[in-house]
């Protein structure tokens, strides 16, 4: 069973909702956070294990998709 969680997140004020709120003053971004234990839920690291970003991969993917 797929337990991928989908949320809407405001990248400005970090408000989180289960559905996109049209009345929110900022644009909310669709985020697919993956299932529990998914590697996408961990902070991004380089090939040596050093942190590239403290943000989880799903967050960076969501911001990148929003800008395209």
PDB file of N, CA and C in Angstrom:
ATOM      1  N   UNK A   1       0.838  -1.179   0.000  1.00  0.00           N
ATOM      2  CA  UNK A   1       0.000   0.000   0.000  1.00  0.00           C
ATOM      3  C   UNK A   1       0.887   1.248   0.000  1.00  0.00           C
ATOM      4  N   UNK A   2       0.579   2.180  -0.894  1.00  0.00           N
ATOM      5  CA  UNK A   2       1.339   3.414  -1.008  1.00  0.00           C
ATOM      6  C   UNK A   2       0.857   4.408   0.044  1.00  0.00           C
ATOM      7  N   UNK A   3       1.782   4.895   0.872  1.00  0.00           N
ATOM      8  CA  UNK A   3       1.433   5.833   1.932  1.00  0.00           C
ATOM      9  C   UNK A   3       2.025   7.213   1.664  1.00  0.00           C
ATOM     10  N   UNK A   4       2.225   7.540   0.380  1.00  0.00           N
ATOM     11  CA  UNK A   4       2.787   8.835   0.038  1.00  0.00           C
ATOM     12  C   UNK A   4       1.872   9.940   0.541  1.00  0.00           C
ATOM     13  N   UNK A   5       2.441  10.887   1.237  1.00  0.00           N
ATOM     14  CA  UNK A   5       1.668  11.997   1.780  1.00  0.00           C
ATOM     15  C   UNK A   5       1.771  13.188   0.841  1.00  0.00           C
ATOM     16  N   UNK A   6       0.649  13.823   0.572  1.00  0.00           N
ATOM     17  CA  UNK A   6       0.602  15.015  -0.255  1.00  0.00           C
ATOM     18  C   UNK A   6       0.106  16.163   0.608  1.00  0.00           C
ATOM     19  N   UNK A   7       0.856  17.249   0.605  1.00  0.00           N
ATOM     20  CA  UNK A   7       0.483  18.435   1.368  1.00  0.00           C
ATOM     21  C   UNK A   7       0.658  19.661   0.485  1.00  0.00           C
ATOM     22  N   UNK A   8       0.067  20.765   0.904  1.00  0.00           N
ATOM     23  CA  UNK A   8       0.300  22.065   0.280  1.00  0.00           C
ATOM     24  C   UNK A   8       1.031  22.912   1.305  1.00  0.00           C
ATOM     25  N   UNK A   9       2.105  23.549   0.867  1.00  0.00           N
ATOM     26  CA  UNK A   9       2.971  24.303   1.761  1.00  0.00           C
ATOM     27  C   UNK A   9       3.206  25.693   1.189  1.00  0.00           C
ATOM     28  N   UNK A  10       3.116  26.681   2.034  1.00  0.00           N
ATOM     29  CA  UNK A  10       3.453  28.047   1.640  1.00  0.00           C
ATOM     30  C   UNK A  10       4.952  28.243   1.881  1.00  0.00           C
ATOM     31  N   UNK A  11       5.746  28.484   0.828  1.00  0.00           N
ATOM     32  CA  UNK A  11       7.186  28.659   1.018  1.00  0.00           C
ATOM     33  C   UNK A  11       7.567  29.987   1.657  1.00  0.00           C
ATOM     34  N   UNK A  12       6.580  30.863   1.867  1.00  0.00           N
ATOM     35  CA  UNK A  12       6.843  32.155   2.504  1.00  0.00           C
ATOM     36  C   UNK A  12       6.637  32.064   4.019  1.00  0.00           C
ATOM     37  N   UNK A  13       5.457  31.597   4.438  1.00  0.00           N
ATOM     38  CA  UNK A  13       5.140  31.559   5.871  1.00  0.00           C
ATOM     39  C   UNK A  13       5.104  30.131   6.438  1.00  0.00           C
ATOM     40  N   UNK A  14       5.290  29.124   5.563  1.00  0.00           N
ATOM     41  CA  UNK A  14       5.340  27.705   5.934  1.00  0.00           C
ATOM     42  C   UNK A  14       4.031  27.158   6.491  1.00  0.00           C
ATOM     43  N   UNK A  15       2.908  27.758   6.118  1.00  0.00           N
ATOM     44  CA  UNK A  15       1.605  27.200   6.486  1.00  0.00           C
ATOM     45  C   UNK A  15       1.413  25.897   5.708  1.00  0.00           C
ATOM     46  N   UNK A  16       0.936  24.862   6.359  1.00  0.00           N
ATOM     47  CA  UNK A  16       0.731  23.552   5.744  1.00  0.00           C
ATOM     48  C   UNK A  16      -0.751  23.211   5.777  1.00  0.00           C
ATOM     49  N   UNK A  17      -1.267  22.717   4.640  1.00  0.00           N
ATOM     50  CA  UNK A  17      -2.675  22.337   4.527  1.00  0.00           C
ATOM     51  C   UNK A  17      -2.781  21.044   3.728  1.00  0.00           C
ATOM     52  N   UNK A  18      -3.886  20.349   3.895  1.00  0.00           N
ATOM     53  CA  UNK A  18      -4.131  19.134   3.121  1.00  0.00           C
ATOM     54  C   UNK A  18      -4.708  19.459   1.750  1.00  0.00           C
ATOM     55  N   UNK A  19      -5.286  20.645   1.600  1.00  0.00           N
ATOM     56  CA  UNK A  19      -5.807  21.111   0.311  1.00  0.00           C
ATOM     57  C   UNK A  19      -5.303  22.528   0.080  1.00  0.00           C
ATOM     58  N   UNK A  20      -5.212  22.901  -1.181  1.00  0.00           N
ATOM     59  CA  UNK A  20      -4.743  24.250  -1.493  1.00  0.00           C
ATOM     60  C   UNK A  20      -5.785  25.277  -1.064  1.00  0.00           C
ATOM     61  N   UNK A  21      -5.368  26.267  -0.312  1.00  0.00           N
ATOM     62  CA  UNK A  21      -6.271  27.307   0.161  1.00  0.00           C
ATOM     63  C   UNK A  21      -6.178  28.505  -0.763  1.00  0.00           C
ATOM     64  N   UNK A  22      -7.246  28.776  -1.461  1.00  0.00           N
ATOM     65  CA  UNK A  22      -7.279  29.903  -2.395  1.00  0.00           C
ATOM     66  C   UNK A  22      -7.262  31.243  -1.661  1.00  0.00           C
ATOM     67  N   UNK A  23      -7.752  31.254  -0.415  1.00  0.00           N
ATOM     68  CA  UNK A  23      -7.829  32.516   0.319  1.00  0.00           C
ATOM     69  C   UNK A  23      -6.516  32.865   1.029  1.00  0.00           C
ATOM     70  N   UNK A  24      -5.528  31.984   0.975  1.00  0.00           N
ATOM     71  CA  UNK A  24      -4.234  32.260   1.595  1.00  0.00           C
ATOM     72  C   UNK A  24      -3.545  33.364   0.793  1.00  0.00           C
ATOM     73  N   UNK A  25      -2.869  34.277   1.461  1.00  0.00           N
ATOM     74  CA  UNK A  25      -2.292  35.434   0.775  1.00  0.00           C
ATOM     75  C   UNK A  25      -1.081  35.099  -0.092  1.00  0.00           C
ATOM     76  N   UNK A  26      -0.452  33.946   0.093  1.00  0.00           N
ATOM     77  CA  UNK A  26       0.679  33.521  -0.733  1.00  0.00           C
ATOM     78  C   UNK A  26       0.284  32.297  -1.558  1.00  0.00           C
ATOM     79  N   UNK A  27       1.025  32.040  -2.621  1.00  0.00           N
ATOM     80  CA  UNK A  27       0.788  30.848  -3.434  1.00  0.00           C
ATOM     81  C   UNK A  27       1.320  29.631  -2.694  1.00  0.00           C
ATOM     82  N   UNK A  28       0.493  28.596  -2.599  1.00  0.00           N
ATOM     83  CA  UNK A  28       0.896  27.371  -1.913  1.00  0.00           C
ATOM     84  C   UNK A  28       1.420  26.372  -2.942  1.00  0.00           C
ATOM     85  N   UNK A  29       2.424  25.596  -2.551  1.00  0.00           N
ATOM     86  CA  UNK A  29       3.098  24.660  -3.435  1.00  0.00           C
ATOM     87  C   UNK A  29       2.682  23.230  -3.076  1.00  0.00           C
ATOM     88  N   UNK A  30       2.359  22.448  -4.099  1.00  0.00           N
ATOM     89  CA  UNK A  30       2.032  21.039  -3.905  1.00  0.00           C
ATOM     90  C   UNK A  30       3.312  20.278  -3.577  1.00  0.00           C
ATOM     91  N   UNK A  31       3.307  19.525  -2.474  1.00  0.00           N
ATOM     92  CA  UNK A  31       4.478  18.755  -2.049  1.00  0.00           C
ATOM     93  C   UNK A  31       4.098  17.292  -1.868  1.00  0.00           C
ATOM     94  N   UNK A  32       4.822  16.407  -2.527  1.00  0.00           N
ATOM     95  CA  UNK A  32       4.652  14.979  -2.348  1.00  0.00           C
ATOM     96  C   UNK A  32       5.815  14.521  -1.478  1.00  0.00           C
ATOM     97  N   UNK A  33       5.546  14.277  -0.207  1.00  0.00           N
ATOM     98  CA  UNK A  33       6.616  14.021   0.762  1.00  0.00           C
ATOM     99  C   UNK A  33       7.129  12.595   0.766  1.00  0.00           C
ATOM    100  N   UNK A  34       6.504  11.708   0.006  1.00  0.00           N
ATOM    101  CA  UNK A  34       6.938  10.316  -0.016  1.00  0.00           C
ATOM    102  C   UNK A  34       6.321   9.543   1.132  1.00  0.00           C
ATOM    103  N   UNK A  35       6.676   8.286   1.209  1.00  0.00           N
ATOM    104  CA  UNK A  35       6.155   7.418   2.262  1.00  0.00           C
ATOM    105  C   UNK A  35       7.122   7.391   3.438  1.00  0.00           C
ATOM    106  N   UNK A  36       6.665   6.968   4.610  1.00  0.00           N
ATOM    107  CA  UNK A  36       7.570   6.875   5.762  1.00  0.00           C
ATOM    108  C   UNK A  36       8.800   6.027   5.419  1.00  0.00           C
ATOM    109  N   UNK A  37       9.975   6.547   5.728  1.00  0.00           N
ATOM    110  CA  UNK A  37      11.231   5.859   5.440  1.00  0.00           C
ATOM    111  C   UNK A  37      11.819   6.190   4.078  1.00  0.00           C
ATOM    112  N   UNK A  38      11.103   6.952   3.259  1.00  0.00           N
ATOM    113  CA  UNK A  38      11.552   7.334   1.923  1.00  0.00           C
ATOM    114  C   UNK A  38      12.803   8.207   2.041  1.00  0.00           C
ATOM    115  N   UNK A  39      13.769   7.970   1.176  1.00  0.00           N
ATOM    116  CA  UNK A  39      15.014   8.760   1.165  1.00  0.00           C
ATOM    117  C   UNK A  39      14.742  10.233   0.881  1.00  0.00           C
ATOM    118  N   UNK A  40      13.631  10.537   0.188  1.00  0.00           N
ATOM    119  CA  UNK A  40      13.290  11.922  -0.135  1.00  0.00           C
ATOM    120  C   UNK A  40      12.933  12.720   1.107  1.00  0.00           C
ATOM    121  N   UNK A  41      12.680  12.054   2.234  1.00  0.00           N
ATOM    122  CA  UNK A  41      12.353  12.759   3.476  1.00  0.00           C
ATOM    123  C   UNK A  41      13.604  13.202   4.246  1.00  0.00           C
ATOM    124  N   UNK A  42      14.759  12.772   3.787  1.00  0.00           N
ATOM    125  CA  UNK A  42      16.016  13.103   4.470  1.00  0.00           C
ATOM    126  C   UNK A  42      16.640  14.359   3.866  1.00  0.00           C
ATOM    127  N   UNK A  43      17.492  15.055   4.641  1.00  0.00           N
ATOM    128  CA  UNK A  43      18.215  16.206   4.085  1.00  0.00           C
ATOM    129  C   UNK A  43      19.117  15.754   2.934  1.00  0.00           C
ATOM    130  N   UNK A  44      19.374  16.646   1.998  1.00  0.00           N
ATOM    131  CA  UNK A  44      20.196  16.345   0.831  1.00  0.00           C
ATOM    132  C   UNK A  44      21.665  16.354   1.228  1.00  0.00           C
ATOM    133  N   UNK A  45      22.393  15.316   0.806  1.00  0.00           N
ATOM    134  CA  UNK A  45      23.832  15.206   1.075  1.00  0.00           C
ATOM    135  C   UNK A  45      24.575  14.978  -0.232  1.00  0.00           C
ATOM    136  N   UNK A  46      25.875  15.277  -0.228  1.00  0.00           N
ATOM    137  CA  UNK A  46      26.697  15.001  -1.409  1.00  0.00           C
ATOM    138  C   UNK A  46      27.235  13.572  -1.329  1.00  0.00           C
ATOM    139  N   UNK A  47      28.087  13.203  -2.273  1.00  0.00           N
ATOM    140  CA  UNK A  47      28.615  11.834  -2.336  1.00  0.00           C
ATOM    141  C   UNK A  47      29.501  11.460  -1.142  1.00  0.00           C
ATOM    142  N   UNK A  48      29.933  12.460  -0.364  1.00  0.00           N
ATOM    143  CA  UNK A  48      30.764  12.220   0.814  1.00  0.00           C
ATOM    144  C   UNK A  48      29.961  12.249   2.115  1.00  0.00           C
ATOM    145  N   UNK A  49      28.662  12.452   2.006  1.00  0.00           N
ATOM    146  CA  UNK A  49      27.800  12.490   3.186  1.00  0.00           C
ATOM    147  C   UNK A  49      27.672  13.864   3.825  1.00  0.00           C
ATOM    148  N   UNK A  50      28.246  14.886   3.200  1.00  0.00           N
ATOM    149  CA  UNK A  50      28.150  16.251   3.717  1.00  0.00           C
ATOM    150  C   UNK A  50      26.809  16.866   3.325  1.00  0.00           C
ATOM    151  N   UNK A  51      26.208  17.604   4.238  1.00  0.00           N
ATOM    152  CA  UNK A  51      24.933  18.251   3.957  1.00  0.00           C
ATOM    153  C   UNK A  51      25.071  19.279   2.844  1.00  0.00           C
ATOM    154  N   UNK A  52      24.207  19.186   1.858  1.00  0.00           N
ATOM    155  CA  UNK A  52      24.122  20.183   0.799  1.00  0.00           C
ATOM    156  C   UNK A  52      23.039  21.178   1.182  1.00  0.00           C
ATOM    157  N   UNK A  53      21.982  20.665   1.802  1.00  0.00           N
ATOM    158  CA  UNK A  53      20.873  21.478   2.277  1.00  0.00           C
ATOM    159  C   UNK A  53      20.251  20.765   3.468  1.00  0.00           C
ATOM    160  N   UNK A  54      19.765  21.532   4.423  1.00  0.00           N
ATOM    161  CA  UNK A  54      19.067  20.909   5.545  1.00  0.00           C
ATOM    162  C   UNK A  54      17.625  20.585   5.188  1.00  0.00           C
ATOM    163  N   UNK A  55      17.166  21.103   4.065  1.00  0.00           N
ATOM    164  CA  UNK A  55      15.800  20.840   3.606  1.00  0.00           C
ATOM    165  C   UNK A  55      15.714  19.425   3.037  1.00  0.00           C
ATOM    166  N   UNK A  56      14.583  18.760   3.247  1.00  0.00           N
ATOM    167  CA  UNK A  56      14.411  17.435   2.644  1.00  0.00           C
ATOM    168  C   UNK A  56      14.267  17.559   1.130  1.00  0.00           C
ATOM    169  N   UNK A  57      14.603  16.493   0.426  1.00  0.00           N
ATOM    170  CA  UNK A  57      14.565  16.502  -1.026  1.00  0.00           C
ATOM    171  C   UNK A  57      13.172  16.834  -1.560  1.00  0.00           C
ATOM    172  N   UNK A  58      12.102  16.343  -0.921  1.00  0.00           N
ATOM    173  CA  UNK A  58      10.746  16.616  -1.419  1.00  0.00           C
ATOM    174  C   UNK A  58      10.454  18.117  -1.448  1.00  0.00           C
ATOM    175  N   UNK A  59      10.995  18.865  -0.495  1.00  0.00           N
ATOM    176  CA  UNK A  59      10.779  20.311  -0.445  1.00  0.00           C
ATOM    177  C   UNK A  59      11.501  21.003  -1.610  1.00  0.00           C
ATOM    178  N   UNK A  60      12.730  20.616  -1.852  1.00  0.00           N
ATOM    179  CA  UNK A  60      13.494  21.213  -2.939  1.00  0.00           C
ATOM    180  C   UNK A  60      12.876  20.873  -4.287  1.00  0.00           C
ATOM    181  N   UNK A  61      12.375  19.655  -4.445  1.00  0.00           N
ATOM    182  CA  UNK A  61      11.694  19.260  -5.674  1.00  0.00           C
ATOM    183  C   UNK A  61      10.445  20.113  -5.893  1.00  0.00           C
ATOM    184  N   UNK A  62       9.676  20.333  -4.846  1.00  0.00           N
ATOM    185  CA  UNK A  62       8.446  21.117  -4.940  1.00  0.00           C
ATOM    186  C   UNK A  62       8.741  22.556  -5.353  1.00  0.00           C
ATOM    187  N   UNK A  63       9.770  23.147  -4.788  1.00  0.00           N
ATOM    188  CA  UNK A  63      10.124  24.526  -5.142  1.00  0.00           C
ATOM    189  C   UNK A  63      10.616  24.597  -6.577  1.00  0.00           C
ATOM    190  N   UNK A  64      11.366  23.602  -6.995  1.00  0.00           N
ATOM    191  CA  UNK A  64      11.875  23.563  -8.364  1.00  0.00           C
ATOM    192  C   UNK A  64      10.728  23.414  -9.370  1.00  0.00           C
ATOM    193  N   UNK A  65       9.762  22.547  -9.069  1.00  0.00           N
ATOM    194  CA  UNK A  65       8.600  22.356  -9.948  1.00  0.00           C
ATOM    195  C   UNK A  65       7.789  23.633 -10.050  1.00  0.00           C
ATOM    196  N   UNK A  66       7.675  24.351  -8.957  1.00  0.00           N
ATOM    197  CA  UNK A  66       6.878  25.576  -8.914  1.00  0.00           C
ATOM    198  C   UNK A  66       7.471  26.661  -9.792  1.00  0.00           C
ATOM    199  N   UNK A  67       8.753  26.670  -9.978  1.00  0.00           N
ATOM    200  CA  UNK A  67       9.430  27.720 -10.746  1.00  0.00           C
ATOM    201  C   UNK A  67       9.476  27.425 -12.233  1.00  0.00           C
ATOM    202  N   UNK A  68       9.118  26.227 -12.640  1.00  0.00           N
ATOM    203  CA  UNK A  68       9.131  25.857 -14.071  1.00  0.00           C
ATOM    204  C   UNK A  68       7.832  26.197 -14.738  1.00  0.00           C
TER     205      UNK A  68
END
